[in-house]
Amino acid sequence: MKIPPKSQVGSLNRSAVFKMVILIIILIVAIILNFPAARVAYLWTEDLELHMTNNTTWLGMSSQQKMAWVFIPGFYFIGLIVYYGTAYRTHRKRLFINGLEEGTVMYIHGFNDVNSNIYDWACILFNKFRHMPWEHVPRPLSRDYYENEFGEDRMVLYYKLDAFVAPWRWKRMVIENPDDLTVGGYSAFLTGQYIKAVAHPYNRILNYSILISNKPYSTVKPDYEKFENYHEKIVDRVQRTNISLLQGNPSIMGPSVKNNIMIQTGDRISEELELMDDDEKKEILGELNEPTNA
């Protein structure tokens, strides 16, 4: 596992402190009251077993018994709903890629705007409740596999496709451009053009994918005057090159000049003709002046 440096200077992670205080208070109160939530649930199940064995119906129950049957499970149900809406769903966001749901986000490594339990626990265990760089957050499986060429951690999104998936089976997606990721209260949205898969040489667990940014296609108004100037300069350069080559070896360059003479300007044609001997001039001028068949 990649162990972070022991001495790191960072500001106090108030979220980590708050979570640890809440956990300690809950444990202390639970111990003092003999774990009331667990004890009440156990007594309720005993009462349920008693009513099932003596065939007690709803009409045969007293008012207190009916209230216990209804309200006691309700407290647990409400507690689960509150936990689901405030703790679980805020950290287990639904992942949408280009508008389609692709799974459940479990952890985003390197995204500072996400209040991650994993990051907070890393600060508690490895940096004395103080913030630490994302590069120093321990990753037991991947280690430094997701570092870029500068030795910095890439942003890695861990997500799962099914309800029950082991952590080492989570899918991994490297986000090259953080602007492609939008995180809401209960959802995370990614936009991109296509996904590129990267395979680890020997450990398939570390395979990951990269969502390539979808850059919009944009056009600009062409500068025709600038294009025309460039075109004239290119044509002039090509023609002067042909003249130089023709001076060096007229017999070889003659056919090339003959094939391209019709697209050259009058001045260039005159210059090239002056470089030819009489036989070449007659041959080229004769073909140019041949009458066409009606």
C-alpha atoms as a PDB file:
ATOM      1  CA  MET A   1       0.000   0.000   0.000  1.00  0.00           C
ATOM      2  CA  LYS A   2       1.145   3.519  -0.761  1.00  0.00           C
ATOM      3  CA  ILE A   3       1.876   5.029   2.685  1.00  0.00           C
ATOM      4  CA  PRO A   4       1.651   8.855   2.888  1.00  0.00           C
ATOM      5  CA  PRO A   5       4.395  10.897   4.587  1.00  0.00           C
ATOM      6  CA  LYS A   6       4.057  11.003   8.361  1.00  0.00           C
ATOM      7  CA  SER A   7       4.699  14.724   8.758  1.00  0.00           C
ATOM      8  CA  GLN A   8       2.278  16.793   6.713  1.00  0.00           C
ATOM      9  CA  VAL A   9       1.101  20.312   7.365  1.00  0.00           C
ATOM     10  CA  GLY A  10      -2.541  20.959   6.511  1.00  0.00           C
ATOM     11  CA  SER A  11      -5.595  22.784   7.789  1.00  0.00           C
ATOM     12  CA  LEU A  12      -7.953  21.069  10.190  1.00  0.00           C
ATOM     13  CA  ASN A  13     -10.468  18.776   8.512  1.00  0.00           C
ATOM     14  CA  ARG A  14     -13.610  19.872  10.343  1.00  0.00           C
ATOM     15  CA  SER A  15     -15.717  17.251   8.604  1.00  0.00           C
ATOM     16  CA  ALA A  16     -13.480  14.475   9.919  1.00  0.00           C
ATOM     17  CA  VAL A  17     -13.572  15.949  13.438  1.00  0.00           C
ATOM     18  CA  PHE A  18     -17.373  16.252  13.333  1.00  0.00           C
ATOM     19  CA  LYS A  19     -17.804  12.661  12.198  1.00  0.00           C
ATOM     20  CA  MET A  20     -15.514  11.346  14.883  1.00  0.00           C
ATOM     21  CA  VAL A  21     -17.314  13.370  17.603  1.00  0.00           C
ATOM     22  CA  ILE A  22     -20.723  12.119  16.461  1.00  0.00           C
ATOM     23  CA  LEU A  23     -19.463   8.529  16.429  1.00  0.00           C
ATOM     24  CA  ILE A  24     -18.048   8.818  19.947  1.00  0.00           C
ATOM     25  CA  ILE A  25     -21.266  10.396  21.300  1.00  0.00           C
ATOM     26  CA  ILE A  26     -23.408   7.662  19.763  1.00  0.00           C
ATOM     27  CA  LEU A  27     -21.189   4.942  21.230  1.00  0.00           C
ATOM     28  CA  ILE A  28     -21.159   6.526  24.710  1.00  0.00           C
ATOM     29  CA  VAL A  29     -24.941   7.032  24.796  1.00  0.00           C
ATOM     30  CA  ALA A  30     -25.533   3.526  23.475  1.00  0.00           C
ATOM     31  CA  ILE A  31     -23.304   1.978  26.108  1.00  0.00           C
ATOM     32  CA  ILE A  32     -24.839   4.003  28.977  1.00  0.00           C
ATOM     33  CA  LEU A  33     -28.399   3.132  27.932  1.00  0.00           C
ATOM     34  CA  ASN A  34     -27.497  -0.495  27.241  1.00  0.00           C
ATOM     35  CA  PHE A  35     -27.951  -0.100  23.491  1.00  0.00           C
ATOM     36  CA  PRO A  36     -31.651   0.890  23.536  1.00  0.00           C
ATOM     37  CA  ALA A  37     -32.213   0.557  19.791  1.00  0.00           C
ATOM     38  CA  ALA A  38     -31.001  -3.026  19.759  1.00  0.00           C
ATOM     39  CA  ARG A  39     -32.806  -3.902  23.038  1.00  0.00           C
ATOM     40  CA  VAL A  40     -36.176  -2.504  21.886  1.00  0.00           C
ATOM     41  CA  ALA A  41     -35.884  -4.296  18.564  1.00  0.00           C
ATOM     42  CA  TYR A  42     -35.127  -7.538  20.386  1.00  0.00           C
ATOM     43  CA  LEU A  43     -38.143  -7.126  22.722  1.00  0.00           C
ATOM     44  CA  TRP A  44     -40.356  -6.379  19.712  1.00  0.00           C
ATOM     45  CA  THR A  45     -39.285  -9.578  17.981  1.00  0.00           C
ATOM     46  CA  GLU A  46     -39.969 -11.528  21.200  1.00  0.00           C
ATOM     47  CA  ASP A  47     -43.445 -10.004  21.315  1.00  0.00           C
ATOM     48  CA  LEU A  48     -43.964 -10.926  17.677  1.00  0.00           C
ATOM     49  CA  GLU A  49     -42.982 -14.517  18.397  1.00  0.00           C
ATOM     50  CA  LEU A  50     -45.350 -14.622  21.393  1.00  0.00           C
ATOM     51  CA  HIS A  51     -48.324 -13.432  19.337  1.00  0.00           C
ATOM     52  CA  MET A  52     -47.592 -15.910  16.580  1.00  0.00           C
ATOM     53  CA  THR A  53     -47.402 -18.870  18.965  1.00  0.00           C
ATOM     54  CA  ASN A  54     -50.672 -18.126  20.833  1.00  0.00           C
ATOM     55  CA  ASN A  55     -52.596 -17.151  17.648  1.00  0.00           C
ATOM     56  CA  THR A  56     -53.311 -13.594  18.828  1.00  0.00           C
ATOM     57  CA  THR A  57     -55.016 -11.599  16.063  1.00  0.00           C
ATOM     58  CA  TRP A  58     -55.108  -7.836  15.481  1.00  0.00           C
ATOM     59  CA  LEU A  59     -58.594  -7.609  16.977  1.00  0.00           C
ATOM     60  CA  GLY A  60     -57.416  -9.413  20.069  1.00  0.00           C
ATOM     61  CA  MET A  61     -54.642  -6.954  20.810  1.00  0.00           C
ATOM     62  CA  SER A  62     -54.947  -4.122  23.281  1.00  0.00           C
ATOM     63  CA  SER A  63     -54.471  -0.488  22.253  1.00  0.00           C
ATOM     64  CA  GLN A  64     -50.951  -0.432  23.669  1.00  0.00           C
ATOM     65  CA  GLN A  65     -50.055  -3.584  21.791  1.00  0.00           C
ATOM     66  CA  LYS A  66     -51.364  -2.151  18.515  1.00  0.00           C
ATOM     67  CA  MET A  67     -49.411   1.076  19.026  1.00  0.00           C
ATOM     68  CA  ALA A  68     -46.245  -0.932  19.722  1.00  0.00           C
ATOM     69  CA  TRP A  69     -46.753  -2.992  16.586  1.00  0.00           C
ATOM     70  CA  VAL A  70     -47.148   0.120  14.440  1.00  0.00           C
ATOM     71  CA  PHE A  71     -44.863   2.766  15.940  1.00  0.00           C
ATOM     72  CA  ILE A  72     -41.831   0.762  17.012  1.00  0.00           C
ATOM     73  CA  PRO A  73     -40.990  -0.476  13.465  1.00  0.00           C
ATOM     74  CA  GLY A  74     -41.873   3.007  12.205  1.00  0.00           C
ATOM     75  CA  PHE A  75     -39.037   4.588  14.175  1.00  0.00           C
ATOM     76  CA  TYR A  76     -36.534   2.201  12.618  1.00  0.00           C
ATOM     77  CA  PHE A  77     -38.037   2.726   9.169  1.00  0.00           C
ATOM     78  CA  ILE A  78     -37.885   6.521   9.504  1.00  0.00           C
ATOM     79  CA  GLY A  79     -34.311   6.286  10.737  1.00  0.00           C
ATOM     80  CA  LEU A  80     -33.324   4.204   7.718  1.00  0.00           C
ATOM     81  CA  ILE A  81     -35.018   6.699   5.378  1.00  0.00           C
ATOM     82  CA  VAL A  82     -33.167   9.614   7.004  1.00  0.00           C
ATOM     83  CA  TYR A  83     -29.857   7.748   6.802  1.00  0.00           C
ATOM     84  CA  TYR A  84     -30.518   6.836   3.166  1.00  0.00           C
ATOM     85  CA  GLY A  85     -31.338  10.423   2.177  1.00  0.00           C
ATOM     86  CA  THR A  86     -28.670  12.249   4.157  1.00  0.00           C
ATOM     87  CA  ALA A  87     -25.696   9.887   4.351  1.00  0.00           C
ATOM     88  CA  TYR A  88     -25.925   6.985   1.928  1.00  0.00           C
ATOM     89  CA  ARG A  89     -27.346   8.679  -1.177  1.00  0.00           C
ATOM     90  CA  THR A  90     -25.127  11.743  -0.849  1.00  0.00           C
ATOM     91  CA  HIS A  91     -22.061   9.509  -1.071  1.00  0.00           C
ATOM     92  CA  ARG A  92     -23.491   6.788  -3.328  1.00  0.00           C
ATOM     93  CA  LYS A  93     -24.554   8.969  -6.229  1.00  0.00           C
ATOM     94  CA  ARG A  94     -26.090   7.644  -9.413  1.00  0.00           C
ATOM     95  CA  LEU A  95     -23.656   7.914 -12.304  1.00  0.00           C
ATOM     96  CA  PHE A  96     -24.946   9.204 -15.642  1.00  0.00           C
ATOM     97  CA  ILE A  97     -22.700   9.146 -18.715  1.00  0.00           C
ATOM     98  CA  ASN A  98     -24.064  11.207 -21.596  1.00  0.00           C
ATOM     99  CA  GLY A  99     -27.517  11.055 -20.006  1.00  0.00           C
ATOM    100  CA  LEU A 100     -27.640   7.281 -19.499  1.00  0.00           C
ATOM    101  CA  GLU A 101     -27.429   5.701 -16.051  1.00  0.00           C
ATOM    102  CA  GLU A 102     -24.298   3.578 -15.786  1.00  0.00           C
ATOM    103  CA  GLY A 103     -24.056   2.618 -12.106  1.00  0.00           C
ATOM    104  CA  THR A 104     -23.507   3.922  -8.586  1.00  0.00           C
ATOM    105  CA  VAL A 105     -20.592   6.162  -7.629  1.00  0.00           C
ATOM    106  CA  MET A 106     -18.707   4.723  -4.666  1.00  0.00           C
ATOM    107  CA  TYR A 107     -15.706   7.036  -4.404  1.00  0.00           C
ATOM    108  CA  ILE A 108     -14.123   9.886  -6.398  1.00  0.00           C
ATOM    109  CA  HIS A 109     -10.404  10.137  -5.826  1.00  0.00           C
ATOM    110  CA  GLY A 110      -9.115  13.665  -6.350  1.00  0.00           C
ATOM    111  CA  PHE A 111     -12.410  15.545  -6.433  1.00  0.00           C
ATOM    112  CA  ASN A 112     -12.173  18.122  -3.650  1.00  0.00           C
ATOM    113  CA  ASP A 113     -15.820  19.186  -3.763  1.00  0.00           C
ATOM    114  CA  VAL A 114     -17.023  15.763  -2.658  1.00  0.00           C
ATOM    115  CA  ASN A 115     -17.283  15.152   1.073  1.00  0.00           C
ATOM    116  CA  SER A 116     -15.903  11.629   1.021  1.00  0.00           C
ATOM    117  CA  ASN A 117     -15.940   9.353   4.050  1.00  0.00           C
ATOM    118  CA  ILE A 118     -12.859   7.576   2.706  1.00  0.00           C
ATOM    119  CA  TYR A 119     -10.940  10.839   2.489  1.00  0.00           C
ATOM    120  CA  ASP A 120     -12.027  11.893   5.984  1.00  0.00           C
ATOM    121  CA  TRP A 121     -10.982   8.568   7.482  1.00  0.00           C
ATOM    122  CA  ALA A 122      -7.632   8.847   5.720  1.00  0.00           C
ATOM    123  CA  CYS A 123      -7.135  12.260   7.346  1.00  0.00           C
ATOM    124  CA  ILE A 124      -8.031  10.802  10.751  1.00  0.00           C
ATOM    125  CA  LEU A 125      -5.784   7.749  10.502  1.00  0.00           C
ATOM    126  CA  PHE A 126      -2.822   9.151   8.587  1.00  0.00           C
ATOM    127  CA  ASN A 127      -2.663  12.908   9.202  1.00  0.00           C
ATOM    128  CA  LYS A 128      -4.083  13.638  12.663  1.00  0.00           C
ATOM    129  CA  PHE A 129      -7.433  15.115  11.532  1.00  0.00           C
ATOM    130  CA  ARG A 130      -5.761  17.496   9.079  1.00  0.00           C
ATOM    131  CA  HIS A 131      -6.254  17.831   5.353  1.00  0.00           C
ATOM    132  CA  MET A 132      -3.774  16.021   3.141  1.00  0.00           C
ATOM    133  CA  PRO A 133      -3.094  16.032  -0.617  1.00  0.00           C
ATOM    134  CA  TRP A 134      -5.125  13.595  -2.629  1.00  0.00           C
ATOM    135  CA  GLU A 135      -1.853  12.073  -3.834  1.00  0.00           C
ATOM    136  CA  HIS A 136      -1.200  10.906  -0.252  1.00  0.00           C
ATOM    137  CA  VAL A 137      -4.553   9.215   0.315  1.00  0.00           C
ATOM    138  CA  PRO A 138      -3.690   5.506   0.628  1.00  0.00           C
ATOM    139  CA  ARG A 139      -4.977   3.140  -2.041  1.00  0.00           C
ATOM    140  CA  PRO A 140      -4.205  -0.442  -1.047  1.00  0.00           C
ATOM    141  CA  LEU A 141      -4.866  -1.979  -4.463  1.00  0.00           C
ATOM    142  CA  SER A 142      -3.919   0.574  -7.112  1.00  0.00           C
ATOM    143  CA  ARG A 143      -0.956   2.214  -5.338  1.00  0.00           C
ATOM    144  CA  ASP A 144       0.605   4.658  -7.803  1.00  0.00           C
ATOM    145  CA  TYR A 145      -0.790   3.024 -10.955  1.00  0.00           C
ATOM    146  CA  TYR A 146      -3.016   6.019 -11.738  1.00  0.00           C
ATOM    147  CA  GLU A 147      -0.308   8.668 -11.511  1.00  0.00           C
ATOM    148  CA  ASN A 148       0.378  10.835 -14.550  1.00  0.00           C
ATOM    149  CA  GLU A 149       3.788  11.540 -16.067  1.00  0.00           C
ATOM    150  CA  PHE A 150       4.371  14.294 -13.478  1.00  0.00           C
ATOM    151  CA  GLY A 151       3.870  11.944 -10.518  1.00  0.00           C
ATOM    152  CA  GLU A 152       0.482  13.482  -9.661  1.00  0.00           C
ATOM    153  CA  ASP A 153      -2.627  11.450  -8.990  1.00  0.00           C
ATOM    154  CA  ARG A 154      -5.252  11.455 -11.690  1.00  0.00           C
ATOM    155  CA  MET A 155      -8.901  11.939 -10.818  1.00  0.00           C
ATOM    156  CA  VAL A 156     -10.335   8.426 -10.541  1.00  0.00           C
ATOM    157  CA  LEU A 157     -14.047   7.667 -10.274  1.00  0.00           C
ATOM    158  CA  TYR A 158     -14.883   4.314  -8.681  1.00  0.00           C
ATOM    159  CA  TYR A 159     -18.354   2.944  -9.400  1.00  0.00           C
ATOM    160  CA  LYS A 160     -20.268  -0.312  -9.330  1.00  0.00           C
ATOM    161  CA  LEU A 161     -22.897  -1.754 -11.647  1.00  0.00           C
ATOM    162  CA  ASP A 162     -24.809  -4.016  -9.224  1.00  0.00           C
ATOM    163  CA  ALA A 163     -26.064  -3.739  -5.662  1.00  0.00           C
ATOM    164  CA  PHE A 164     -23.580  -6.145  -4.074  1.00  0.00           C
ATOM    165  CA  VAL A 165     -20.077  -5.787  -5.461  1.00  0.00           C
ATOM    166  CA  ALA A 166     -16.797  -6.242  -3.598  1.00  0.00           C
ATOM    167  CA  PRO A 167     -14.696  -3.060  -3.397  1.00  0.00           C
ATOM    168  CA  TRP A 168     -11.881  -4.592  -5.420  1.00  0.00           C
ATOM    169  CA  ARG A 169     -14.419  -5.271  -8.197  1.00  0.00           C
ATOM    170  CA  TRP A 170     -15.500  -1.660  -8.558  1.00  0.00           C
ATOM    171  CA  LYS A 171     -15.103  -0.166 -12.015  1.00  0.00           C
ATOM    172  CA  ARG A 172     -12.503   2.564 -12.388  1.00  0.00           C
ATOM    173  CA  MET A 173     -12.694   5.547 -14.718  1.00  0.00           C
ATOM    174  CA  VAL A 174      -9.940   8.146 -15.065  1.00  0.00           C
ATOM    175  CA  ILE A 175     -11.240  11.663 -15.705  1.00  0.00           C
ATOM    176  CA  GLU A 176      -8.663  13.657 -17.649  1.00  0.00           C
ATOM    177  CA  ASN A 177     -10.689  16.887 -17.692  1.00  0.00           C
ATOM    178  CA  PRO A 178     -12.430  17.704 -14.366  1.00  0.00           C
ATOM    179  CA  ASP A 179     -14.851  19.994 -16.217  1.00  0.00           C
ATOM    180  CA  ASP A 180     -16.442  16.876 -17.741  1.00  0.00           C
ATOM    181  CA  LEU A 181     -17.724  15.877 -14.276  1.00  0.00           C
ATOM    182  CA  THR A 182     -20.721  17.540 -12.632  1.00  0.00           C
ATOM    183  CA  VAL A 183     -21.683  16.404  -9.133  1.00  0.00           C
ATOM    184  CA  GLY A 184     -25.122  17.012  -7.669  1.00  0.00           C
ATOM    185  CA  GLY A 185     -26.754  16.050  -4.410  1.00  0.00           C
ATOM    186  CA  TYR A 186     -27.698  12.540  -5.483  1.00  0.00           C
ATOM    187  CA  SER A 187     -26.234  12.192  -8.993  1.00  0.00           C
ATOM    188  CA  ALA A 188     -22.980  12.601 -10.887  1.00  0.00           C
ATOM    189  CA  PHE A 189     -22.954  13.456 -14.579  1.00  0.00           C
ATOM    190  CA  LEU A 190     -20.176  12.766 -17.068  1.00  0.00           C
ATOM    191  CA  THR A 191     -20.099  13.949 -20.662  1.00  0.00           C
ATOM    192  CA  GLY A 192     -17.721  12.697 -23.309  1.00  0.00           C
ATOM    193  CA  GLN A 193     -17.246  11.433 -26.810  1.00  0.00           C
ATOM    194  CA  TYR A 194     -15.997   7.870 -26.348  1.00  0.00           C
ATOM    195  CA  ILE A 195     -14.404   5.631 -23.741  1.00  0.00           C
ATOM    196  CA  LYS A 196     -10.865   4.304 -24.042  1.00  0.00           C
ATOM    197  CA  ALA A 197      -9.983   1.143 -22.097  1.00  0.00           C
ATOM    198  CA  VAL A 198      -6.541   0.753 -20.510  1.00  0.00           C
ATOM    199  CA  ALA A 199      -5.521  -2.723 -19.353  1.00  0.00           C
ATOM    200  CA  HIS A 200      -3.018  -3.414 -16.606  1.00  0.00           C
ATOM    201  CA  PRO A 201      -0.203  -5.696 -17.793  1.00  0.00           C
ATOM    202  CA  TYR A 202      -0.908  -8.437 -15.244  1.00  0.00           C
ATOM    203  CA  ASN A 203      -3.617  -7.336 -12.744  1.00  0.00           C
ATOM    204  CA  ARG A 204      -7.081  -7.121 -14.306  1.00  0.00           C
ATOM    205  CA  ILE A 205      -8.506  -5.527 -11.172  1.00  0.00           C
ATOM    206  CA  LEU A 206      -6.599  -2.328 -11.959  1.00  0.00           C
ATOM    207  CA  ASN A 207      -7.978  -1.981 -15.491  1.00  0.00           C
ATOM    208  CA  TYR A 208      -9.585   1.390 -16.048  1.00  0.00           C
ATOM    209  CA  SER A 209     -11.287   3.431 -18.733  1.00  0.00           C
ATOM    210  CA  ILE A 210     -10.895   7.047 -19.852  1.00  0.00           C
ATOM    211  CA  LEU A 211     -13.814   9.166 -20.966  1.00  0.00           C
ATOM    212  CA  ILE A 212     -12.477  11.422 -23.711  1.00  0.00           C
ATOM    213  CA  SER A 213     -13.777  14.979 -23.717  1.00  0.00           C
ATOM    214  CA  ASN A 214     -16.348  15.840 -26.334  1.00  0.00           C
ATOM    215  CA  LYS A 215     -15.127  19.148 -27.704  1.00  0.00           C
ATOM    216  CA  PRO A 216     -17.828  20.899 -29.735  1.00  0.00           C
ATOM    217  CA  TYR A 217     -17.151  21.400 -33.411  1.00  0.00           C
ATOM    218  CA  SER A 218     -16.695  25.082 -34.143  1.00  0.00           C
ATOM    219  CA  THR A 219     -16.117  27.003 -37.355  1.00  0.00           C
ATOM    220  CA  VAL A 220     -14.610  30.397 -38.063  1.00  0.00           C
ATOM    221  CA  LYS A 221     -15.181  32.801 -40.907  1.00  0.00           C
ATOM    222  CA  PRO A 222     -12.464  32.196 -43.494  1.00  0.00           C
ATOM    223  CA  ASP A 223     -10.118  34.994 -44.477  1.00  0.00           C
ATOM    224  CA  TYR A 224     -10.274  34.736 -48.259  1.00  0.00           C
ATOM    225  CA  GLU A 225      -7.794  37.558 -48.818  1.00  0.00           C
ATOM    226  CA  LYS A 226      -5.213  35.848 -46.632  1.00  0.00           C
ATOM    227  CA  PHE A 227      -5.887  32.530 -48.366  1.00  0.00           C
ATOM    228  CA  GLU A 228      -5.444  34.156 -51.786  1.00  0.00           C
ATOM    229  CA  ASN A 229      -2.118  35.671 -50.760  1.00  0.00           C
ATOM    230  CA  TYR A 230      -0.909  32.322 -49.474  1.00  0.00           C
ATOM    231  CA  HIS A 231      -2.072  30.662 -52.665  1.00  0.00           C
ATOM    232  CA  GLU A 232      -0.229  33.150 -54.891  1.00  0.00           C
ATOM    233  CA  LYS A 233       2.946  32.715 -52.865  1.00  0.00           C
ATOM    234  CA  ILE A 234       2.716  28.925 -53.101  1.00  0.00           C
ATOM    235  CA  VAL A 235       2.107  29.028 -56.862  1.00  0.00           C
ATOM    236  CA  ASP A 236       4.976  31.452 -57.335  1.00  0.00           C
ATOM    237  CA  ARG A 237       7.292  29.223 -55.302  1.00  0.00           C
ATOM    238  CA  VAL A 238       6.288  26.118 -57.272  1.00  0.00           C
ATOM    239  CA  GLN A 239       6.785  27.874 -60.600  1.00  0.00           C
ATOM    240  CA  ARG A 240      10.204  29.210 -59.690  1.00  0.00           C
ATOM    241  CA  THR A 241      11.193  25.739 -58.522  1.00  0.00           C
ATOM    242  CA  ASN A 242      10.088  24.292 -61.850  1.00  0.00           C
ATOM    243  CA  ILE A 243      12.121  26.931 -63.730  1.00  0.00           C
ATOM    244  CA  SER A 244      15.225  26.108 -61.701  1.00  0.00           C
ATOM    245  CA  LEU A 245      14.776  22.388 -62.332  1.00  0.00           C
ATOM    246  CA  LEU A 246      14.117  23.064 -66.022  1.00  0.00           C
ATOM    247  CA  GLN A 247      17.355  25.009 -66.306  1.00  0.00           C
ATOM    248  CA  GLY A 248      19.225  22.106 -64.777  1.00  0.00           C
ATOM    249  CA  ASN A 249      17.758  19.387 -67.019  1.00  0.00           C
ATOM    250  CA  PRO A 250      15.383  20.580 -69.758  1.00  0.00           C
ATOM    251  CA  SER A 251      14.942  17.152 -71.320  1.00  0.00           C
ATOM    252  CA  ILE A 252      13.526  15.654 -68.122  1.00  0.00           C
ATOM    253  CA  MET A 253      11.553  18.696 -66.977  1.00  0.00           C
ATOM    254  CA  GLY A 254      10.135  19.355 -70.463  1.00  0.00           C
ATOM    255  CA  PRO A 255       7.234  16.849 -70.121  1.00  0.00           C
ATOM    256  CA  SER A 256       6.453  18.211 -66.641  1.00  0.00           C
ATOM    257  CA  VAL A 257       6.289  21.752 -67.957  1.00  0.00           C
ATOM    258  CA  LYS A 258       4.145  20.600 -70.885  1.00  0.00           C
ATOM    259  CA  ASN A 259       1.647  18.950 -68.529  1.00  0.00           C
ATOM    260  CA  ASN A 260       1.402  21.988 -66.274  1.00  0.00           C
ATOM    261  CA  ILE A 261       1.814  24.855 -68.746  1.00  0.00           C
ATOM    262  CA  MET A 262      -1.926  25.487 -69.071  1.00  0.00           C
ATOM    263  CA  ILE A 263      -2.346  26.365 -65.380  1.00  0.00           C
ATOM    264  CA  GLN A 264       0.527  28.840 -65.297  1.00  0.00           C
ATOM    265  CA  THR A 265       0.399  32.551 -65.873  1.00  0.00           C
ATOM    266  CA  GLY A 266       1.500  34.158 -69.142  1.00  0.00           C
ATOM    267  CA  ASP A 267       4.667  35.571 -67.593  1.00  0.00           C
ATOM    268  CA  ARG A 268       5.714  32.190 -66.253  1.00  0.00           C
ATOM    269  CA  ILE A 269       4.972  30.479 -69.585  1.00  0.00           C
ATOM    270  CA  SER A 270       7.164  32.988 -71.402  1.00  0.00           C
ATOM    271  CA  GLU A 271       9.992  32.473 -68.915  1.00  0.00           C
ATOM    272  CA  GLU A 272       9.834  28.707 -69.256  1.00  0.00           C
ATOM    273  CA  LEU A 273       9.633  28.803 -73.062  1.00  0.00           C
ATOM    274  CA  GLU A 274      12.735  30.973 -73.221  1.00  0.00           C
ATOM    275  CA  LEU A 275      14.654  28.260 -71.397  1.00  0.00           C
ATOM    276  CA  MET A 276      13.749  25.603 -74.014  1.00  0.00           C
ATOM    277  CA  ASP A 277      15.529  24.876 -77.253  1.00  0.00           C
ATOM    278  CA  ASP A 278      13.830  25.336 -80.628  1.00  0.00           C
ATOM    279  CA  ASP A 279      12.715  21.728 -81.010  1.00  0.00           C
ATOM    280  CA  GLU A 280      11.060  21.707 -77.570  1.00  0.00           C
ATOM    281  CA  LYS A 281       9.336  25.002 -78.272  1.00  0.00           C
ATOM    282  CA  LYS A 282       7.976  23.710 -81.595  1.00  0.00           C
ATOM    283  CA  GLU A 283       6.790  20.511 -79.970  1.00  0.00           C
ATOM    284  CA  ILE A 284       4.972  22.260 -77.128  1.00  0.00           C
ATOM    285  CA  LEU A 285       3.626  25.200 -79.144  1.00  0.00           C
ATOM    286  CA  GLY A 286       2.589  22.900 -81.954  1.00  0.00           C
ATOM    287  CA  GLU A 287       0.489  20.753 -79.631  1.00  0.00           C
ATOM    288  CA  LEU A 288      -1.053  23.797 -77.987  1.00  0.00           C
ATOM    289  CA  ASN A 289      -2.046  25.266 -81.319  1.00  0.00           C
ATOM    290  CA  GLU A 290      -3.380  22.059 -82.885  1.00  0.00           C
ATOM    291  CA  PRO A 291      -6.867  22.600 -84.282  1.00  0.00           C
ATOM    292  CA  THR A 292      -9.639  20.762 -82.477  1.00  0.00           C
ATOM    293  CA  ASN A 293     -12.054  18.519 -84.321  1.00  0.00           C
ATOM    294  CA  ALA A 294     -15.501  20.008 -84.647  1.00  0.00           C
END
